[in-house]
Protein backbone atom coordinates (compact mmCIF):
# COMPACT_ATOMS: atom_id res chain seq x y z
CA UNK A 1 0.00 0.00 0.00
CA UNK A 2 1.20 3.51 -0.74
CA UNK A 3 0.63 6.43 1.51
CA UNK A 4 -0.13 9.48 -0.59
CA UNK A 5 1.35 12.12 1.67
CA UNK A 6 1.66 13.63 5.10
CA UNK A 7 1.62 17.06 6.64
CA UNK A 8 3.29 18.52 9.70
CA UNK A 9 1.10 21.07 11.44
CA UNK A 10 1.29 23.15 14.63
CA UNK A 11 -0.88 21.67 17.38
CA UNK A 12 -4.01 23.75 17.89
CA UNK A 13 -6.24 23.37 20.92
CA UNK A 14 -8.99 25.65 19.65
CA UNK A 15 -12.57 24.78 18.82
CA UNK A 16 -14.87 25.27 15.85
CA UNK A 17 -17.83 27.49 16.84
CA UNK A 18 -21.32 26.36 15.80
CA UNK A 19 -21.78 29.27 13.39
CA UNK A 20 -18.75 28.06 11.40
CA UNK A 21 -19.24 24.30 11.85
CA UNK A 22 -22.65 24.35 10.19
CA UNK A 23 -21.32 26.35 7.24
CA UNK A 24 -18.28 24.07 6.92
CA UNK A 25 -20.62 21.08 6.67
CA UNK A 26 -22.49 22.72 3.79
CA UNK A 27 -19.33 23.94 2.06
CA UNK A 28 -17.43 20.66 2.40
CA UNK A 29 -20.39 18.65 1.14
CA UNK A 30 -20.92 21.01 -1.82
CA UNK A 31 -17.23 20.80 -2.78
CA UNK A 32 -17.34 17.00 -2.51
CA UNK A 33 -20.46 16.83 -4.65
CA UNK A 34 -18.97 19.13 -7.28
CA UNK A 35 -15.81 17.02 -7.51
CA UNK A 36 -17.82 13.77 -7.66
CA UNK A 37 -20.18 15.09 -10.35
CA UNK A 38 -17.31 16.47 -12.42
CA UNK A 39 -14.66 13.77 -11.97
CA UNK A 40 -16.07 10.82 -10.03
CA UNK A 41 -15.71 9.33 -6.55
CA UNK A 42 -12.22 7.99 -7.18
CA UNK A 43 -10.94 11.49 -7.93
CA UNK A 44 -12.47 12.81 -4.72
CA UNK A 45 -10.63 10.13 -2.73
CA UNK A 46 -7.43 10.99 -4.60
CA UNK A 47 -7.82 14.61 -3.54
CA UNK A 48 -8.47 13.68 0.08
CA UNK A 49 -5.23 11.71 -0.02
CA UNK A 50 -3.25 14.76 -1.21
CA UNK A 51 -2.05 16.71 1.87
CA UNK A 52 -1.80 19.98 -0.07
CA UNK A 53 -5.33 19.76 -1.48
CA UNK A 54 -6.70 18.75 1.92
CA UNK A 55 -5.09 21.79 3.57
CA UNK A 56 -6.33 24.13 0.82
CA UNK A 57 -9.85 22.73 1.13
CA UNK A 58 -9.84 23.35 4.89
CA UNK A 59 -8.59 26.90 4.36
CA UNK A 60 -11.30 27.68 1.79
CA UNK A 61 -13.85 26.40 4.34
CA UNK A 62 -12.79 29.06 6.85
CA UNK A 63 -10.57 27.03 9.18
CA UNK A 64 -7.18 28.28 10.37
CA UNK A 65 -4.94 27.88 7.36
CA UNK A 66 -1.99 26.15 9.02
CA UNK A 67 -3.19 24.36 12.13
CA UNK A 68 -3.80 20.74 13.06
CA UNK A 69 -7.46 21.58 13.67
CA UNK A 70 -8.12 21.52 9.93
CA UNK A 71 -7.94 17.72 9.97
CA UNK A 72 -10.59 17.18 12.63
CA UNK A 73 -12.92 19.91 11.42
CA UNK A 74 -12.81 19.02 7.71
CA UNK A 75 -13.36 15.31 8.31
CA UNK A 76 -16.10 16.03 10.83
CA UNK A 77 -17.85 18.36 8.39
CA UNK A 78 -17.63 15.79 5.60
CA UNK A 79 -18.96 13.03 7.83
CA UNK A 80 -21.95 15.13 8.89
CA UNK A 81 -22.71 16.19 5.32
CA UNK A 82 -21.87 13.15 3.22
CA UNK A 83 -23.08 10.20 5.30
CA UNK A 84 -26.80 11.09 5.25
CA UNK A 85 -26.55 11.31 1.44
CA UNK A 86 -24.89 7.97 0.81
CA UNK A 87 -27.59 6.89 -1.64
CA UNK A 88 -26.78 9.94 -3.81
CA UNK A 89 -23.03 10.33 -3.40
CA UNK A 90 -22.05 6.68 -2.97
CA UNK A 91 -19.49 7.04 -0.18
CA UNK A 92 -19.32 7.52 3.58
CA UNK A 93 -16.83 8.70 6.21
CA UNK A 94 -16.12 6.35 9.13
CA UNK A 95 -14.20 7.00 12.32
CA UNK A 96 -12.96 10.32 13.59
CA UNK A 97 -11.15 11.63 16.62
CA UNK A 98 -10.64 9.85 19.94
CA UNK A 99 -13.44 7.47 20.84
CA UNK A 100 -14.90 7.82 17.33
CA UNK A 101 -11.73 6.31 15.82
CA UNK A 102 -12.19 3.15 17.91
CA UNK A 103 -15.62 2.65 16.34
CA UNK A 104 -14.24 2.59 12.78
CA UNK A 105 -14.22 -1.24 12.38
CA UNK A 106 -17.83 -1.49 13.56
CA UNK A 107 -18.88 1.31 11.19
CA UNK A 108 -17.13 -0.45 8.31
CA UNK A 109 -18.85 -3.76 9.10
CA UNK A 110 -22.22 -2.01 9.18
CA UNK A 111 -21.38 -0.34 5.87
CA UNK A 112 -20.43 -3.69 4.34
CA UNK A 113 -23.87 -5.09 5.15
CA UNK A 114 -25.41 -2.42 2.91
CA UNK A 115 -22.96 -2.88 0.04
CA UNK A 116 -21.96 -6.57 0.10
CA UNK A 117 -18.30 -5.74 0.74
CA UNK A 118 -16.13 -7.79 3.09
CA UNK A 119 -16.53 -5.98 6.41
CA UNK A 120 -13.86 -7.99 8.22
CA UNK A 121 -11.32 -7.25 5.49
CA UNK A 122 -12.13 -3.54 5.67
CA UNK A 123 -11.81 -3.58 9.45
CA UNK A 124 -8.43 -5.29 9.09
CA UNK A 125 -7.31 -2.64 6.58
CA UNK A 126 -8.36 0.09 8.99
CA UNK A 127 -6.36 -1.46 11.83
CA UNK A 128 -3.32 -2.05 9.62
CA UNK A 129 -3.08 1.54 8.40
CA UNK A 130 -3.36 2.74 12.00
CA UNK A 131 -0.78 0.30 13.33
CA UNK A 132 1.68 1.07 10.54
CA UNK A 133 1.56 4.80 11.22
CA UNK A 134 1.43 4.41 14.99
CA UNK A 135 3.88 1.56 15.51
CA UNK A 136 5.76 0.38 12.43
CA UNK A 137 6.89 3.90 11.57
CA UNK A 138 8.52 5.03 14.81
CA UNK A 139 8.59 8.76 14.14
CA UNK A 140 7.48 9.95 17.59
CA UNK A 141 3.84 10.71 16.69
CA UNK A 142 0.98 8.87 18.43
CA UNK A 143 -2.31 8.66 16.55
CA UNK A 144 -5.41 10.28 18.01
CA UNK A 145 -7.54 10.56 14.86
CA UNK A 146 -8.38 7.93 12.26
CA UNK A 147 -10.91 8.44 9.44
CA UNK A 148 -11.73 5.90 6.74
CA UNK A 149 -13.55 7.22 3.65
CA UNK A 150 -14.97 4.45 1.47
CA UNK A 151 -17.09 4.22 -1.68
CA UNK A 152 -19.80 1.68 -2.36
CA UNK A 153 -17.41 -0.13 -4.72
CA UNK A 154 -14.80 -0.57 -1.97
CA UNK A 155 -12.23 2.06 -2.95
CA UNK A 156 -11.04 3.93 0.12
CA UNK A 157 -8.85 6.67 1.53
CA UNK A 158 -7.53 6.96 5.07
CA UNK A 159 -6.66 10.25 6.76
CA UNK A 160 -5.21 9.96 10.25
CA UNK A 161 -3.31 12.24 12.55
CA UNK A 162 -0.84 11.85 15.39
CA UNK A 163 0.66 14.27 17.87
CA UNK A 164 4.09 14.81 19.33
CA UNK A 165 3.69 16.85 22.52
CA UNK A 166 7.44 17.43 22.80
CA UNK A 167 7.69 19.20 19.45
CA UNK A 168 4.16 20.72 19.68
CA UNK A 169 3.43 19.34 16.21
CA UNK A 170 0.78 17.13 14.69
CA UNK A 171 1.48 14.88 11.71
CA UNK A 172 -1.26 13.94 9.27
CA UNK A 173 -0.96 10.75 7.22
CA UNK A 174 -2.81 10.14 3.95
CA UNK A 175 -3.50 6.79 2.27
CA UNK A 176 -5.29 5.82 -0.94
CA UNK A 177 -6.28 2.29 -1.86
CA UNK A 178 -5.48 2.65 -5.57
CA UNK A 179 -1.80 2.37 -4.65
CA UNK A 180 -2.21 -0.79 -2.56
CA UNK A 181 0.35 -3.46 -3.28
CA UNK A 182 1.60 -4.82 0.03
CA UNK A 183 1.07 -3.61 3.56
CA UNK A 184 4.54 -4.72 4.63
CA UNK A 185 6.58 -3.55 1.65
CA UNK A 186 6.87 0.19 0.97
CA UNK A 187 3.26 1.03 1.77
CA UNK A 188 3.79 4.79 1.80
CA UNK A 189 4.05 7.19 -1.07
CA UNK A 190 4.62 9.87 1.52
CA UNK A 191 5.64 10.35 5.10
CA UNK A 192 6.51 13.97 5.39
CA UNK A 193 7.78 16.23 8.10
CA UNK A 194 10.71 18.16 9.43
CA UNK A 195 13.79 15.99 10.20
CA UNK A 196 13.61 14.98 13.85
CA UNK A 197 16.34 12.36 14.08
CA UNK A 198 16.42 8.80 12.86
CA UNK A 199 13.09 7.13 12.00
CA UNK A 200 12.45 3.40 12.16
CA UNK A 201 10.23 2.16 9.32
CA UNK A 202 9.64 -1.59 9.51
CA UNK A 203 7.34 -1.56 6.47
CA UNK A 204 9.87 -0.09 4.06
CA UNK A 205 10.69 -2.47 1.18
CA UNK A 206 14.33 -2.39 2.21
CA UNK A 207 13.43 -3.67 5.66
CA UNK A 208 12.40 -7.20 4.62
CA UNK A 209 15.39 -8.69 6.42
CA UNK A 210 14.46 -6.69 9.48
CA UNK A 211 10.95 -8.09 9.36
CA UNK A 212 12.04 -11.70 9.06
CA UNK A 213 14.80 -11.41 11.69
CA UNK A 214 12.70 -9.24 14.02
CA UNK A 215 15.39 -6.60 14.02
CA UNK A 216 14.57 -3.29 15.67
CA UNK A 217 15.82 -1.00 12.98
CA UNK A 218 16.26 -0.97 9.22
CA UNK A 219 19.75 -0.60 7.80
CA UNK A 220 18.94 2.61 5.91
CA UNK A 221 17.23 5.75 7.21
CA UNK A 222 13.70 6.10 5.91
CA UNK A 223 14.38 9.71 4.93
CA UNK A 224 15.79 8.47 1.59
CA UNK A 225 12.38 7.21 0.53
CA UNK A 226 10.54 10.21 1.92
CA UNK A 227 11.96 12.48 -0.76
CA UNK A 228 9.55 10.89 -3.24
CA UNK A 229 6.50 11.82 -1.16
CA UNK A 230 4.06 14.68 -1.24
CA UNK A 231 5.38 16.94 1.48
CA UNK A 232 3.62 19.63 3.45
CA UNK A 233 5.23 21.30 6.45
CA UNK A 234 3.27 24.25 7.80
CA UNK A 235 5.03 27.08 9.69
CA UNK A 236 4.51 27.81 13.37
CA UNK A 237 3.40 31.43 12.84
CA UNK A 238 -0.36 31.91 12.96
CA UNK A 239 -0.68 34.99 10.77
CA UNK A 240 -0.68 34.66 6.98
CA UNK A 241 2.41 36.27 5.46
CA UNK A 242 3.26 37.20 1.90
CA UNK A 243 5.88 34.44 1.74
CA UNK A 244 3.13 31.87 2.44
CA UNK A 245 1.24 32.83 -0.73
CA UNK A 246 1.92 32.68 -4.46
CA UNK A 247 1.28 36.35 -5.14
CA UNK A 248 0.80 35.84 -8.87
CA UNK A 249 -1.93 33.28 -8.31
CA UNK A 250 -3.58 35.47 -5.69
CA UNK A 251 -3.26 38.44 -8.04
CA UNK A 252 -5.16 36.54 -10.74
CA UNK A 253 -8.01 35.79 -8.31
CA UNK A 254 -8.20 39.43 -7.21
CA UNK A 255 -8.10 40.64 -10.81
CA UNK A 256 -10.95 38.35 -11.87
CA UNK A 257 -13.01 39.45 -8.88
CA UNK A 258 -12.33 43.18 -8.83
CA UNK A 259 -11.39 44.41 -12.31
CA UNK A 260 -14.65 45.55 -13.92
CA UNK A 261 -14.24 43.88 -17.31
CA UNK A 262 -13.06 40.56 -15.89
CA UNK A 263 -15.61 40.68 -13.09
CA UNK A 264 -18.52 41.08 -15.47
CA UNK A 265 -17.28 38.18 -17.60
CA UNK A 266 -16.70 35.95 -14.56
CA UNK A 267 -20.18 36.68 -13.26
CA UNK A 268 -21.62 35.81 -16.66
CA UNK A 269 -19.80 32.46 -16.61
CA UNK A 270 -21.64 31.51 -13.42
CA UNK A 271 -24.99 32.71 -14.80
CA UNK A 272 -25.32 34.86 -11.69
CA UNK A 273 -25.22 38.56 -10.93
CA UNK A 274 -22.45 38.56 -8.36
CA UNK A 275 -20.47 41.16 -6.47
CA UNK A 276 -16.66 41.24 -6.44
CA UNK A 277 -16.21 39.80 -2.95
CA UNK A 278 -18.37 36.75 -3.67
CA UNK A 279 -16.57 36.21 -6.99
CA UNK A 280 -13.27 36.22 -5.12
CA UNK A 281 -14.49 33.38 -2.89
CA UNK A 282 -16.04 31.44 -5.76
CA UNK A 283 -12.86 31.67 -7.84
CA UNK A 284 -10.93 29.97 -5.05
CA UNK A 285 -13.67 27.38 -4.52
CA UNK A 286 -13.61 26.67 -8.27
CA UNK A 287 -9.88 26.07 -8.05
CA UNK A 288 -10.34 23.60 -5.18
CA UNK A 289 -12.85 21.71 -7.34
CA UNK A 290 -11.07 21.88 -10.70
CA UNK A 291 -7.45 22.85 -10.04
CA UNK A 292 -4.53 20.60 -10.91
CA UNK A 293 -2.49 19.13 -8.01
CA UNK A 294 0.35 21.62 -8.56
CA UNK A 295 -2.06 24.48 -7.79
CA UNK A 296 -2.18 23.70 -4.06
CA UNK A 297 1.44 24.28 -3.13
CA UNK A 298 0.43 27.42 -1.19
CA UNK A 299 -2.63 26.43 0.89
CA UNK A 300 -2.58 29.79 2.70
CA UNK A 301 -3.85 31.49 -0.47
CA UNK A 302 -7.18 29.72 -0.12
CA UNK A 303 -7.83 31.48 3.18
CA UNK A 304 -8.56 34.54 1.03
CA UNK A 305 -11.90 32.91 0.23
CA UNK A 306 -13.47 33.04 3.69
CA UNK A 307 -10.75 34.13 6.11
CA UNK A 308 -10.12 32.14 9.27
CA UNK A 309 -11.97 31.54 12.51
CA UNK A 310 -9.08 33.02 14.52
CA UNK A 311 -9.01 36.18 12.36
CA UNK A 312 -6.09 35.25 10.10
CA UNK A 313 -5.76 36.54 7.49
CA UNK A 314 -9.07 38.25 8.35
CA UNK A 315 -12.37 37.42 10.11
CA UNK A 316 -14.78 35.04 8.40
CA UNK A 317 -17.13 37.19 6.22
CA UNK A 318 -20.41 35.44 6.99
CA UNK A 319 -22.44 37.33 4.36
CA UNK A 320 -19.97 36.35 1.64
CA UNK A 321 -19.79 32.79 2.94
CA UNK A 322 -23.58 32.46 2.77
CA UNK A 323 -23.71 34.00 -0.71
CA UNK A 324 -21.06 31.53 -1.89
CA UNK A 325 -23.04 28.66 -0.41
CA UNK A 326 -26.16 29.93 -2.16
CA UNK A 327 -24.44 29.91 -5.56
CA UNK A 328 -23.05 26.41 -4.94
CA UNK A 329 -26.42 25.15 -3.75
CA UNK A 330 -28.27 26.51 -6.79
CA UNK A 331 -25.73 25.09 -9.22
CA UNK A 332 -25.95 21.63 -7.66
CA UNK A 333 -29.75 21.68 -7.53
CA UNK A 334 -29.86 22.60 -11.22
CA UNK A 335 -27.34 19.86 -12.04
CA UNK A 336 -29.51 17.24 -10.34
CA UNK A 337 -32.29 18.26 -12.71
CA UNK A 338 -30.00 17.90 -15.71
CA UNK A 339 -29.13 21.59 -16.12
CA UNK A 340 -25.34 21.76 -15.89
CA UNK A 341 -24.76 25.34 -17.10
CA UNK A 342 -24.00 26.70 -13.63
CA UNK A 343 -21.90 23.68 -12.70
CA UNK A 344 -19.86 24.10 -15.87
CA UNK A 345 -19.54 27.77 -15.03
CA UNK A 346 -17.21 26.89 -12.15
CA UNK A 347 -14.93 24.98 -14.49
CA UNK A 348 -14.83 27.95 -16.88
CA UNK A 349 -14.21 30.34 -13.98
CA UNK A 350 -11.17 28.30 -12.94
CA UNK A 351 -9.90 28.36 -16.52
CA UNK A 352 -10.41 32.12 -16.72
CA UNK A 353 -8.40 32.69 -13.54
CA UNK A 354 -5.59 30.51 -14.87
CA UNK A 355 -5.58 32.38 -18.17
CA UNK A 356 -5.43 35.75 -16.41
CA UNK A 357 -2.53 34.48 -14.31
CA UNK A 358 -0.65 33.26 -17.38
CA UNK A 359 -1.26 36.18 -19.72
CA UNK A 360 -1.35 39.16 -17.38
CA UNK A 361 0.90 37.82 -14.63
CA UNK A 362 -0.67 40.07 -11.99
CA UNK A 363 1.15 40.38 -8.68
CA UNK A 364 -1.05 40.92 -5.65
CA UNK A 365 -0.23 43.71 -3.23
CA UNK A 366 -0.42 41.43 -0.21
CA UNK A 367 -0.54 44.10 2.51
CA UNK A 368 -3.15 46.14 0.62
CA UNK A 369 -5.29 43.03 0.13
CA UNK A 370 -5.24 42.25 3.85
CA UNK A 371 -6.00 45.87 4.79
CA UNK A 372 -8.92 45.93 2.35
CA UNK A 373 -10.41 42.72 3.74
CA UNK A 374 -10.17 43.96 7.31
CA UNK A 375 -11.60 47.35 6.35
CA UNK A 376 -14.74 45.77 4.84
CA UNK A 377 -15.00 42.99 7.40
CA UNK A 378 -17.75 44.55 9.51
CA UNK A 379 -19.92 45.23 6.45
CA UNK A 380 -19.67 41.54 5.50
CA UNK A 381 -20.54 40.22 8.94
CA UNK A 382 -16.91 39.39 9.76
CA UNK A 383 -16.66 37.12 12.77
CA UNK A 384 -14.01 35.21 14.71
CA UNK A 385 -14.11 32.65 17.49
CA UNK A 386 -13.04 35.38 19.89
CA UNK A 387 -16.34 37.19 19.34
CA UNK A 388 -18.11 34.31 21.08
CA UNK A 389 -16.43 34.89 24.41
CA UNK A 390 -18.83 36.35 26.93
CA UNK A 391 -17.38 39.45 28.57
CA UNK A 392 -17.12 39.34 32.34
CA UNK A 393 -20.02 41.06 34.01
CA UNK A 394 -19.22 43.84 36.40
CA UNK A 395 -20.75 43.55 39.84
CA UNK A 396 -23.54 45.93 40.81
CA UNK A 397 -21.47 47.41 43.62
CA UNK A 398 -18.51 48.08 41.35
CA UNK A 399 -20.77 49.68 38.75
CA UNK A 400 -22.26 52.01 41.30
CA UNK A 401 -18.91 53.00 42.71
CA UNK A 402 -17.80 53.87 39.22
CA UNK A 403 -20.35 56.70 39.16
CA UNK A 404 -18.53 58.72 41.84
């Protein structure tokens, strides 16, 4: 089996507020449905198994662009939105964080009863992927999250995450069943992270002698094979900085959304009369749905769709978020009735943005873009998780004394 990639992320102990969680469920489900309708279930699993795409998807959904919390929140949103629609979408999400991860084998067996798949074999696969990442690859990270996404035909992807309290990092591991060959011979296409000393990998192909002889360490460091993997290492700083973003790609999005001629054309592509701020979000959503894998090398850029719950790069613009959801909802409803014009509009919007980037090579003024977003935040219903904190009430006596 091949792991598709991993990501190293700063540990984040925050929470997802209800006002964002509900919207993330809608957004994640709409993105999944768009990908499935356009490219099929297998492609959606392939994207889930790409650490860069996964991070970009979480950022476009309004989560903190760099943190470990993206993993839990994105998978939770997909589970809430996708599972009730199994008959339509043809896949479900099993497992989750903590006690939910332990229930994965039982969920897979229940799923197999509906589909005729081998539930015991799926449960074994779930346990193997977890044990390989938790035990066979001794990299210092202990798993606390395990999610198993599976289609009705039996194709699956695993996304799981471990933590290393000493380094204050989380490491996310991605697997995809299309690369399965052998669980005990080079199962990973990617294990990625910052070098933290020697790593023992007892499932590397070069460790066959170690397996048979029960040796404790392979003769070669696993880092040699990691160079072939999809690698994502997020920085420790919480704020989004210009160096975290491809300014030419961001410039193309801003040009399509805000330059009058391009904006009118982009709005026409979506068969909607849309304002510039909503077009900006939709252009980034369209890229998540239709963009090539190389487009997700700077996940921070996708936070310019709907900001971040902690206010980086700016508060979540709830009015824009809801308008974006409305456009997505209408396009999917029309597609279910056989009218694909709006759905195709997203593909054309992504192509337009790419063409603007290639031909005009616009370079975003990063600081000006951030200042603009924060300046208009209140008019767009900008909100962060800090707004939910109840201020301490002053006592009656203290209030009265303050009058004198």
